[in-house]
Amino acid sequence: MPIVTCSRCHRDAPGLEQRPPLPSPLAEQVLAKVCAECWAEWEKNEVMVINELRLNFMDPKSATVLHRKLEEFVGLVPPAA
């Protein structure tokens, strides 16, 4: 595993394995900027986000919303107001 400077916890820590963690252009940013520990936290949080926002993946907008929440969680963008 490569060492990355994590965008969420700001530590130099082991990154993810060199496989895309999700099927989107966001995958490359996650591989380069998110440590494995913070990614594991996101995976736990992801289910809560899906349930709380009642995301329906038959609607393409749901994937966009989930990706935005991921970006906010791991610090790739500032949180929405």
PDB file of N, CA and C in Angstrom:
ATOM      1  N   MET A   1       0.830  -1.183   0.000  1.00  0.00           N
ATOM      2  CA  MET A   1       0.000   0.000   0.000  1.00  0.00           C
ATOM      3  C   MET A   1       0.876   1.250   0.000  1.00  0.00           C
ATOM      4  N   PRO A   2       0.513   2.204  -0.814  1.00  0.00           N
ATOM      5  CA  PRO A   2       1.280   3.445  -0.818  1.00  0.00           C
ATOM      6  C   PRO A   2       0.944   4.299   0.405  1.00  0.00           C
ATOM      7  N   ILE A   3       1.842   5.186   0.746  1.00  0.00           N
ATOM      8  CA  ILE A   3       1.592   6.142   1.824  1.00  0.00           C
ATOM      9  C   ILE A   3       1.017   7.407   1.179  1.00  0.00           C
ATOM     10  N   VAL A   4      -0.096   7.894   1.742  1.00  0.00           N
ATOM     11  CA  VAL A   4      -0.722   9.110   1.230  1.00  0.00           C
ATOM     12  C   VAL A   4      -0.860  10.114   2.366  1.00  0.00           C
ATOM     13  N   THR A   5      -0.911  11.388   2.006  1.00  0.00           N
ATOM     14  CA  THR A   5      -1.267  12.417   2.981  1.00  0.00           C
ATOM     15  C   THR A   5      -2.775  12.568   2.860  1.00  0.00           C
ATOM     16  N   CYS A   6      -3.477  12.104   3.863  1.00  0.00           N
ATOM     17  CA  CYS A   6      -4.927  11.999   3.809  1.00  0.00           C
ATOM     18  C   CYS A   6      -5.591  13.380   3.854  1.00  0.00           C
ATOM     19  N   SER A   7      -6.564  13.550   2.984  1.00  0.00           N
ATOM     20  CA  SER A   7      -7.300  14.814   2.914  1.00  0.00           C
ATOM     21  C   SER A   7      -8.285  14.959   4.076  1.00  0.00           C
ATOM     22  N   ARG A   8      -8.563  13.874   4.785  1.00  0.00           N
ATOM     23  CA  ARG A   8      -9.508  13.948   5.909  1.00  0.00           C
ATOM     24  C   ARG A   8      -8.782  14.104   7.241  1.00  0.00           C
ATOM     25  N   CYS A   9      -7.857  13.205   7.544  1.00  0.00           N
ATOM     26  CA  CYS A   9      -7.198  13.223   8.853  1.00  0.00           C
ATOM     27  C   CYS A   9      -5.853  13.962   8.821  1.00  0.00           C
ATOM     28  N   HIS A  10      -5.385  14.294   7.624  1.00  0.00           N
ATOM     29  CA  HIS A  10      -4.142  15.063   7.425  1.00  0.00           C
ATOM     30  C   HIS A  10      -2.893  14.353   7.954  1.00  0.00           C
ATOM     31  N   ARG A  11      -2.946  13.024   8.011  1.00  0.00           N
ATOM     32  CA  ARG A  11      -1.777  12.249   8.421  1.00  0.00           C
ATOM     33  C   ARG A  11      -1.169  11.571   7.208  1.00  0.00           C
ATOM     34  N   ASP A  12       0.098  11.239   7.296  1.00  0.00           N
ATOM     35  CA  ASP A  12       0.709  10.363   6.307  1.00  0.00           C
ATOM     36  C   ASP A  12       0.401   8.954   6.770  1.00  0.00           C
ATOM     37  N   ALA A  13      -0.377   8.235   5.982  1.00  0.00           N
ATOM     38  CA  ALA A  13      -0.848   6.914   6.401  1.00  0.00           C
ATOM     39  C   ALA A  13      -0.986   6.020   5.171  1.00  0.00           C
ATOM     40  N   PRO A  14      -1.071   4.702   5.391  1.00  0.00           N
ATOM     41  CA  PRO A  14      -1.255   3.798   4.252  1.00  0.00           C
ATOM     42  C   PRO A  14      -2.542   4.118   3.499  1.00  0.00           C
ATOM     43  N   GLY A  15      -2.425   4.161   2.178  1.00  0.00           N
ATOM     44  CA  GLY A  15      -3.576   4.413   1.327  1.00  0.00           C
ATOM     45  C   GLY A  15      -4.303   3.119   1.011  1.00  0.00           C
ATOM     46  N   LEU A  16      -5.196   3.208   0.065  1.00  0.00           N
ATOM     47  CA  LEU A  16      -5.968   2.045  -0.360  1.00  0.00           C
ATOM     48  C   LEU A  16      -5.141   1.185  -1.295  1.00  0.00           C
ATOM     49  N   GLU A  17      -5.577  -0.051  -1.467  1.00  0.00           N
ATOM     50  CA  GLU A  17      -4.944  -0.919  -2.450  1.00  0.00           C
ATOM     51  C   GLU A  17      -5.127  -0.274  -3.819  1.00  0.00           C
ATOM     52  N   GLN A  18      -4.283  -0.596  -4.741  1.00  0.00           N
ATOM     53  CA  GLN A  18      -4.336   0.040  -6.055  1.00  0.00           C
ATOM     54  C   GLN A  18      -5.439  -0.549  -6.931  1.00  0.00           C
ATOM     55  N   ARG A  19      -6.662  -0.406  -6.460  1.00  0.00           N
ATOM     56  CA  ARG A  19      -7.823  -0.742  -7.272  1.00  0.00           C
ATOM     57  C   ARG A  19      -8.860   0.337  -7.003  1.00  0.00           C
ATOM     58  N   PRO A  20      -9.600   0.742  -7.998  1.00  0.00           N
ATOM     59  CA  PRO A  20     -10.582   1.804  -7.769  1.00  0.00           C
ATOM     60  C   PRO A  20     -11.622   1.387  -6.732  1.00  0.00           C
ATOM     61  N   PRO A  21     -11.838   2.205  -5.708  1.00  0.00           N
ATOM     62  CA  PRO A  21     -12.788   1.861  -4.667  1.00  0.00           C
ATOM     63  C   PRO A  21     -14.239   2.084  -5.083  1.00  0.00           C
ATOM     64  N   LEU A  22     -14.451   2.752  -6.198  1.00  0.00           N
ATOM     65  CA  LEU A  22     -15.792   2.981  -6.705  1.00  0.00           C
ATOM     66  C   LEU A  22     -15.702   3.254  -8.194  1.00  0.00           C
ATOM     67  N   PRO A  23     -16.781   2.984  -8.926  1.00  0.00           N
ATOM     68  CA  PRO A  23     -16.730   3.161 -10.382  1.00  0.00           C
ATOM     69  C   PRO A  23     -17.079   4.591 -10.800  1.00  0.00           C
ATOM     70  N   SER A  24     -16.138   5.484 -10.656  1.00  0.00           N
ATOM     71  CA  SER A  24     -16.377   6.866 -11.076  1.00  0.00           C
ATOM     72  C   SER A  24     -15.040   7.584 -11.228  1.00  0.00           C
ATOM     73  N   PRO A  25     -15.063   8.756 -11.845  1.00  0.00           N
ATOM     74  CA  PRO A  25     -13.826   9.544 -11.952  1.00  0.00           C
ATOM     75  C   PRO A  25     -13.284   9.950 -10.577  1.00  0.00           C
ATOM     76  N   LEU A  26     -14.126   9.950  -9.578  1.00  0.00           N
ATOM     77  CA  LEU A  26     -13.729  10.288  -8.216  1.00  0.00           C
ATOM     78  C   LEU A  26     -12.745   9.254  -7.646  1.00  0.00           C
ATOM     79  N   ALA A  27     -12.740   8.069  -8.208  1.00  0.00           N
ATOM     80  CA  ALA A  27     -11.901   6.974  -7.703  1.00  0.00           C
ATOM     81  C   ALA A  27     -10.421   7.344  -7.656  1.00  0.00           C
ATOM     82  N   GLU A  28      -9.913   8.013  -8.677  1.00  0.00           N
ATOM     83  CA  GLU A  28      -8.494   8.372  -8.715  1.00  0.00           C
ATOM     84  C   GLU A  28      -8.130   9.332  -7.588  1.00  0.00           C
ATOM     85  N   GLN A  29      -9.020  10.289  -7.297  1.00  0.00           N
ATOM     86  CA  GLN A  29      -8.769  11.214  -6.189  1.00  0.00           C
ATOM     87  C   GLN A  29      -8.758  10.468  -4.866  1.00  0.00           C
ATOM     88  N   VAL A  30      -9.684   9.543  -4.689  1.00  0.00           N
ATOM     89  CA  VAL A  30      -9.750   8.772  -3.450  1.00  0.00           C
ATOM     90  C   VAL A  30      -8.474   7.955  -3.283  1.00  0.00           C
ATOM     91  N   LEU A  31      -8.032   7.306  -4.336  1.00  0.00           N
ATOM     92  CA  LEU A  31      -6.800   6.513  -4.255  1.00  0.00           C
ATOM     93  C   LEU A  31      -5.600   7.371  -3.874  1.00  0.00           C
ATOM     94  N   ALA A  32      -5.536   8.580  -4.402  1.00  0.00           N
ATOM     95  CA  ALA A  32      -4.376   9.443  -4.196  1.00  0.00           C
ATOM     96  C   ALA A  32      -4.409  10.220  -2.889  1.00  0.00           C
ATOM     97  N   LYS A  33      -5.612  10.436  -2.315  1.00  0.00           N
ATOM     98  CA  LYS A  33      -5.703  11.387  -1.215  1.00  0.00           C
ATOM     99  C   LYS A  33      -6.418  10.892   0.039  1.00  0.00           C
ATOM    100  N   VAL A  34      -6.821   9.630   0.095  1.00  0.00           N
ATOM    101  CA  VAL A  34      -7.570   9.146   1.264  1.00  0.00           C
ATOM    102  C   VAL A  34      -6.867   7.913   1.832  1.00  0.00           C
ATOM    103  N   CYS A  35      -6.642   7.927   3.150  1.00  0.00           N
ATOM    104  CA  CYS A  35      -5.995   6.771   3.778  1.00  0.00           C
ATOM    105  C   CYS A  35      -7.011   5.638   3.966  1.00  0.00           C
ATOM    106  N   ALA A  36      -6.495   4.455   4.154  1.00  0.00           N
ATOM    107  CA  ALA A  36      -7.343   3.273   4.299  1.00  0.00           C
ATOM    108  C   ALA A  36      -8.261   3.377   5.522  1.00  0.00           C
ATOM    109  N   GLU A  37      -7.767   3.962   6.594  1.00  0.00           N
ATOM    110  CA  GLU A  37      -8.570   4.092   7.812  1.00  0.00           C
ATOM    111  C   GLU A  37      -9.777   5.009   7.592  1.00  0.00           C
ATOM    112  N   CYS A  38      -9.563   6.138   6.954  1.00  0.00           N
ATOM    113  CA  CYS A  38     -10.675   7.068   6.683  1.00  0.00           C
ATOM    114  C   CYS A  38     -11.641   6.469   5.664  1.00  0.00           C
ATOM    115  N   TRP A  39     -11.121   5.688   4.703  1.00  0.00           N
ATOM    116  CA  TRP A  39     -12.006   5.038   3.743  1.00  0.00           C
ATOM    117  C   TRP A  39     -12.901   4.027   4.455  1.00  0.00           C
ATOM    118  N   ALA A  40     -12.367   3.300   5.403  1.00  0.00           N
ATOM    119  CA  ALA A  40     -13.176   2.345   6.172  1.00  0.00           C
ATOM    120  C   ALA A  40     -14.272   3.068   6.955  1.00  0.00           C
ATOM    121  N   GLU A  41     -13.939   4.246   7.490  1.00  0.00           N
ATOM    122  CA  GLU A  41     -14.950   5.046   8.187  1.00  0.00           C
ATOM    123  C   GLU A  41     -16.049   5.466   7.221  1.00  0.00           C
ATOM    124  N   TRP A  42     -15.660   5.868   5.997  1.00  0.00           N
ATOM    125  CA  TRP A  42     -16.662   6.254   5.002  1.00  0.00           C
ATOM    126  C   TRP A  42     -17.579   5.083   4.673  1.00  0.00           C
ATOM    127  N   GLU A  43     -17.023   3.904   4.504  1.00  0.00           N
ATOM    128  CA  GLU A  43     -17.842   2.742   4.151  1.00  0.00           C
ATOM    129  C   GLU A  43     -18.911   2.484   5.208  1.00  0.00           C
ATOM    130  N   LYS A  44     -18.590   2.698   6.471  1.00  0.00           N
ATOM    131  CA  LYS A  44     -19.581   2.547   7.541  1.00  0.00           C
ATOM    132  C   LYS A  44     -20.616   3.671   7.467  1.00  0.00           C
ATOM    133  N   ASN A  45     -20.156   4.882   7.210  1.00  0.00           N
ATOM    134  CA  ASN A  45     -21.026   6.056   7.158  1.00  0.00           C
ATOM    135  C   ASN A  45     -21.916   6.064   5.914  1.00  0.00           C
ATOM    136  N   GLU A  46     -21.432   5.469   4.839  1.00  0.00           N
ATOM    137  CA  GLU A  46     -22.153   5.473   3.565  1.00  0.00           C
ATOM    138  C   GLU A  46     -23.561   4.902   3.692  1.00  0.00           C
ATOM    139  N   VAL A  47     -23.701   3.810   4.409  1.00  0.00           N
ATOM    140  CA  VAL A  47     -25.016   3.187   4.587  1.00  0.00           C
ATOM    141  C   VAL A  47     -25.961   4.146   5.307  1.00  0.00           C
ATOM    142  N   MET A  48     -25.456   4.829   6.308  1.00  0.00           N
ATOM    143  CA  MET A  48     -26.292   5.796   7.033  1.00  0.00           C
ATOM    144  C   MET A  48     -26.728   6.926   6.108  1.00  0.00           C
ATOM    145  N   VAL A  49     -25.820   7.414   5.278  1.00  0.00           N
ATOM    146  CA  VAL A  49     -26.153   8.497   4.352  1.00  0.00           C
ATOM    147  C   VAL A  49     -27.246   8.039   3.387  1.00  0.00           C
ATOM    148  N   ILE A  50     -27.091   6.857   2.825  1.00  0.00           N
ATOM    149  CA  ILE A  50     -28.086   6.326   1.890  1.00  0.00           C
ATOM    150  C   ILE A  50     -29.451   6.227   2.561  1.00  0.00           C
ATOM    151  N   ASN A  51     -29.475   5.696   3.763  1.00  0.00           N
ATOM    152  CA  ASN A  51     -30.747   5.521   4.466  1.00  0.00           C
ATOM    153  C   ASN A  51     -31.356   6.847   4.905  1.00  0.00           C
ATOM    154  N   GLU A  52     -30.549   7.734   5.473  1.00  0.00           N
ATOM    155  CA  GLU A  52     -31.078   9.006   5.972  1.00  0.00           C
ATOM    156  C   GLU A  52     -31.604   9.892   4.847  1.00  0.00           C
ATOM    157  N   LEU A  53     -30.919   9.886   3.718  1.00  0.00           N
ATOM    158  CA  LEU A  53     -31.359  10.706   2.597  1.00  0.00           C
ATOM    159  C   LEU A  53     -32.336   9.962   1.682  1.00  0.00           C
ATOM    160  N   ARG A  54     -32.578   8.700   2.011  1.00  0.00           N
ATOM    161  CA  ARG A  54     -33.497   7.846   1.228  1.00  0.00           C
ATOM    162  C   ARG A  54     -33.141   7.867  -0.253  1.00  0.00           C
ATOM    163  N   LEU A  55     -31.877   7.626  -0.518  1.00  0.00           N
ATOM    164  CA  LEU A  55     -31.398   7.658  -1.895  1.00  0.00           C
ATOM    165  C   LEU A  55     -31.918   6.442  -2.659  1.00  0.00           C
ATOM    166  N   ASN A  56     -32.386   6.684  -3.853  1.00  0.00           N
ATOM    167  CA  ASN A  56     -32.913   5.642  -4.730  1.00  0.00           C
ATOM    168  C   ASN A  56     -32.012   5.603  -5.957  1.00  0.00           C
ATOM    169  N   PHE A  57     -31.262   4.549  -6.134  1.00  0.00           N
ATOM    170  CA  PHE A  57     -30.270   4.517  -7.197  1.00  0.00           C
ATOM    171  C   PHE A  57     -30.845   4.215  -8.570  1.00  0.00           C
ATOM    172  N   MET A  58     -32.168   4.139  -8.657  1.00  0.00           N
ATOM    173  CA  MET A  58     -32.812   4.117  -9.972  1.00  0.00           C
ATOM    174  C   MET A  58     -32.808   5.544 -10.537  1.00  0.00           C
ATOM    175  N   ASP A  59     -32.641   6.516  -9.658  1.00  0.00           N
ATOM    176  CA  ASP A  59     -32.567   7.929 -10.031  1.00  0.00           C
ATOM    177  C   ASP A  59     -31.087   8.316 -10.095  1.00  0.00           C
ATOM    178  N   PRO A  60     -30.598   8.732 -11.259  1.00  0.00           N
ATOM    179  CA  PRO A  60     -29.176   9.078 -11.391  1.00  0.00           C
ATOM    180  C   PRO A  60     -28.726  10.186 -10.442  1.00  0.00           C
ATOM    181  N   LYS A  61     -29.636  11.034  -9.997  1.00  0.00           N
ATOM    182  CA  LYS A  61     -29.269  12.107  -9.081  1.00  0.00           C
ATOM    183  C   LYS A  61     -28.787  11.553  -7.738  1.00  0.00           C
ATOM    184  N   SER A  62     -29.253  10.371  -7.372  1.00  0.00           N
ATOM    185  CA  SER A  62     -28.842   9.786  -6.095  1.00  0.00           C
ATOM    186  C   SER A  62     -27.348   9.507  -6.052  1.00  0.00           C
ATOM    187  N   ALA A  63     -26.797   9.021  -7.154  1.00  0.00           N
ATOM    188  CA  ALA A  63     -25.354   8.760  -7.204  1.00  0.00           C
ATOM    189  C   ALA A  63     -24.581  10.068  -7.075  1.00  0.00           C
ATOM    190  N   THR A  64     -25.088  11.127  -7.685  1.00  0.00           N
ATOM    191  CA  THR A  64     -24.446  12.435  -7.595  1.00  0.00           C
ATOM    192  C   THR A  64     -24.447  12.933  -6.151  1.00  0.00           C
ATOM    193  N   VAL A  65     -25.568  12.776  -5.476  1.00  0.00           N
ATOM    194  CA  VAL A  65     -25.680  13.190  -4.073  1.00  0.00           C
ATOM    195  C   VAL A  65     -24.706  12.386  -3.214  1.00  0.00           C
ATOM    196  N   LEU A  66     -24.661  11.074  -3.417  1.00  0.00           N
ATOM    197  CA  LEU A  66     -23.772  10.225  -2.621  1.00  0.00           C
ATOM    198  C   LEU A  66     -22.309  10.588  -2.867  1.00  0.00           C
ATOM    199  N   HIS A  67     -21.935  10.846  -4.103  1.00  0.00           N
ATOM    200  CA  HIS A  67     -20.551  11.226  -4.401  1.00  0.00           C
ATOM    201  C   HIS A  67     -20.205  12.558  -3.744  1.00  0.00           C
ATOM    202  N   ARG A  68     -21.146  13.485  -3.720  1.00  0.00           N
ATOM    203  CA  ARG A  68     -20.910  14.778  -3.058  1.00  0.00           C
ATOM    204  C   ARG A  68     -20.687  14.571  -1.561  1.00  0.00           C
ATOM    205  N   LYS A  69     -21.506  13.706  -0.946  1.00  0.00           N
ATOM    206  CA  LYS A  69     -21.351  13.423   0.484  1.00  0.00           C
ATOM    207  C   LYS A  69     -20.005  12.750   0.754  1.00  0.00           C
ATOM    208  N   LEU A  70     -19.578  11.882  -0.143  1.00  0.00           N
ATOM    209  CA  LEU A  70     -18.263  11.243  -0.025  1.00  0.00           C
ATOM    210  C   LEU A  70     -17.165  12.295  -0.084  1.00  0.00           C
ATOM    211  N   GLU A  71     -17.229  13.186  -1.058  1.00  0.00           N
ATOM    212  CA  GLU A  71     -16.216  14.237  -1.195  1.00  0.00           C
ATOM    213  C   GLU A  71     -16.140  15.098   0.065  1.00  0.00           C
ATOM    214  N   GLU A  72     -17.302  15.422   0.624  1.00  0.00           N
ATOM    215  CA  GLU A  72     -17.327  16.220   1.857  1.00  0.00           C
ATOM    216  C   GLU A  72     -16.732  15.432   3.022  1.00  0.00           C
ATOM    217  N   PHE A  73     -17.098  14.162   3.151  1.00  0.00           N
ATOM    218  CA  PHE A  73     -16.648  13.331   4.268  1.00  0.00           C
ATOM    219  C   PHE A  73     -15.132  13.173   4.282  1.00  0.00           C
ATOM    220  N   VAL A  74     -14.553  12.915   3.111  1.00  0.00           N
ATOM    221  CA  VAL A  74     -13.110  12.667   3.066  1.00  0.00           C
ATOM    222  C   VAL A  74     -12.287  13.930   2.824  1.00  0.00           C
ATOM    223  N   GLY A  75     -12.954  15.082   2.755  1.00  0.00           N
ATOM    224  CA  GLY A  75     -12.235  16.344   2.664  1.00  0.00           C
ATOM    225  C   GLY A  75     -11.736  16.719   1.294  1.00  0.00           C
ATOM    226  N   LEU A  76     -12.353  16.188   0.255  1.00  0.00           N
ATOM    227  CA  LEU A  76     -11.940  16.550  -1.101  1.00  0.00           C
ATOM    228  C   LEU A  76     -12.563  17.873  -1.536  1.00  0.00           C
ATOM    229  N   VAL A  77     -13.641  18.286  -0.884  1.00  0.00           N
ATOM    230  CA  VAL A  77     -14.277  19.593  -1.115  1.00  0.00           C
ATOM    231  C   VAL A  77     -14.748  20.114   0.228  1.00  0.00           C
ATOM    232  N   PRO A  78     -14.900  21.419   0.382  1.00  0.00           N
ATOM    233  CA  PRO A  78     -15.444  21.933   1.637  1.00  0.00           C
ATOM    234  C   PRO A  78     -16.914  21.522   1.775  1.00  0.00           C
ATOM    235  N   PRO A  79     -17.399  21.332   2.997  1.00  0.00           N
ATOM    236  CA  PRO A  79     -18.807  20.948   3.200  1.00  0.00           C
ATOM    237  C   PRO A  79     -19.753  21.984   2.612  1.00  0.00           C
ATOM    238  N   ALA A  80     -20.890  21.511   2.121  1.00  0.00           N
ATOM    239  CA  ALA A  80     -21.916  22.418   1.590  1.00  0.00           C
ATOM    240  C   ALA A  80     -22.538  23.195   2.736  1.00  0.00           C
ATOM    241  N   ALA A  81     -22.939  24.394   2.436  1.00  0.00           N
ATOM    242  CA  ALA A  81     -23.545  25.263   3.480  1.00  0.00           C
ATOM    243  C   ALA A  81     -24.949  24.809   3.815  1.00  0.00           C
TER     244      ALA A  81
END
